[in-house]
Amino acid sequence: MVTFSDYMKSHRTGHWGDDIQERWDNRIKGQGLKGIEGARAYLKRYGKSIGAPKCIGLANCAYAHDD
């Protein structure tokens, strides 16, 4: 069985869309968070209504900003 993390490692791209970038800047970076921990905090707060495409975009964005 493939985990979400394994799926993301094999499908990682530099593309996540302007809407994801805006959310990242306002809701994650704006709270002083970054990277994967920032994405986890975002999903904990807003994740109940997020669809799969946005979740994948958020994961790609988080991996790109994880340092």
Protein backbone atom coordinates (compact mmCIF):
# COMPACT_ATOMS: atom_id res chain seq x y z
CA MET A 1 0.00 0.00 0.00
CA VAL A 2 1.32 3.44 -0.94
CA THR A 3 1.18 6.09 1.77
CA PHE A 4 0.37 9.71 1.01
CA SER A 5 3.96 10.63 1.82
CA ASP A 6 5.29 8.06 -0.66
CA TYR A 7 2.83 9.28 -3.29
CA MET A 8 3.98 12.86 -2.80
CA LYS A 9 7.65 11.91 -3.06
CA SER A 10 7.01 10.34 -6.44
CA HIS A 11 4.79 13.20 -7.70
CA ARG A 12 6.60 16.23 -6.31
CA THR A 13 6.45 19.21 -8.64
CA GLY A 14 7.21 22.91 -8.47
CA HIS A 15 3.64 23.76 -9.45
CA TRP A 16 0.89 24.37 -6.94
CA GLY A 17 -1.13 27.30 -8.22
CA ASP A 18 -1.60 30.91 -7.22
CA ASP A 19 -4.46 30.07 -4.84
CA ILE A 20 -2.22 27.72 -2.82
CA GLN A 21 0.61 30.28 -2.81
CA GLU A 22 -1.79 32.96 -1.54
CA ARG A 23 -3.01 30.67 1.26
CA TRP A 24 0.59 29.81 2.09
CA ASP A 25 1.59 33.47 2.33
CA ASN A 26 -1.47 34.57 4.31
CA ARG A 27 -2.32 31.63 6.54
CA ILE A 28 0.96 29.84 7.09
CA LYS A 29 3.81 32.24 6.52
CA GLY A 30 1.72 35.05 8.04
CA GLN A 31 1.61 33.08 11.30
CA GLY A 32 5.39 32.63 11.35
CA LEU A 33 5.15 28.99 10.28
CA LYS A 34 7.03 27.28 7.45
CA GLY A 35 7.54 24.04 5.63
CA ILE A 36 5.91 20.77 6.53
CA GLU A 37 5.08 21.90 10.08
CA GLY A 38 3.27 24.92 8.63
CA ALA A 39 1.27 22.67 6.32
CA ARG A 40 0.35 20.42 9.25
CA ALA A 41 -0.88 23.43 11.24
CA TYR A 42 -2.89 24.62 8.22
CA LEU A 43 -4.50 21.22 7.73
CA LYS A 44 -5.31 20.93 11.41
CA ARG A 45 -7.18 24.24 11.25
CA TYR A 46 -8.69 24.17 7.73
CA GLY A 47 -8.30 20.56 6.57
CA LYS A 48 -11.86 19.32 7.01
CA SER A 49 -13.06 21.02 3.85
CA ILE A 50 -9.97 20.85 1.65
CA GLY A 51 -10.15 18.74 -1.50
CA ALA A 52 -7.49 16.35 -2.77
CA PRO A 53 -6.08 18.68 -5.46
CA LYS A 54 -5.54 21.48 -2.94
CA CYS A 55 -4.07 19.05 -0.45
CA ILE A 56 -1.56 17.86 -3.04
CA GLY A 57 -0.76 21.45 -4.02
CA LEU A 58 -0.26 22.34 -0.36
CA ALA A 59 2.06 19.35 0.08
CA ASN A 60 4.14 20.38 -2.95
CA CYS A 61 4.32 23.93 -1.62
CA ALA A 62 5.31 22.71 1.85
CA TYR A 63 8.13 20.54 0.49
CA ALA A 64 9.41 23.46 -1.58
CA HIS A 65 9.40 25.80 1.45
CA ASP A 66 10.77 23.32 3.96
CA ASP A 67 14.20 24.39 5.13
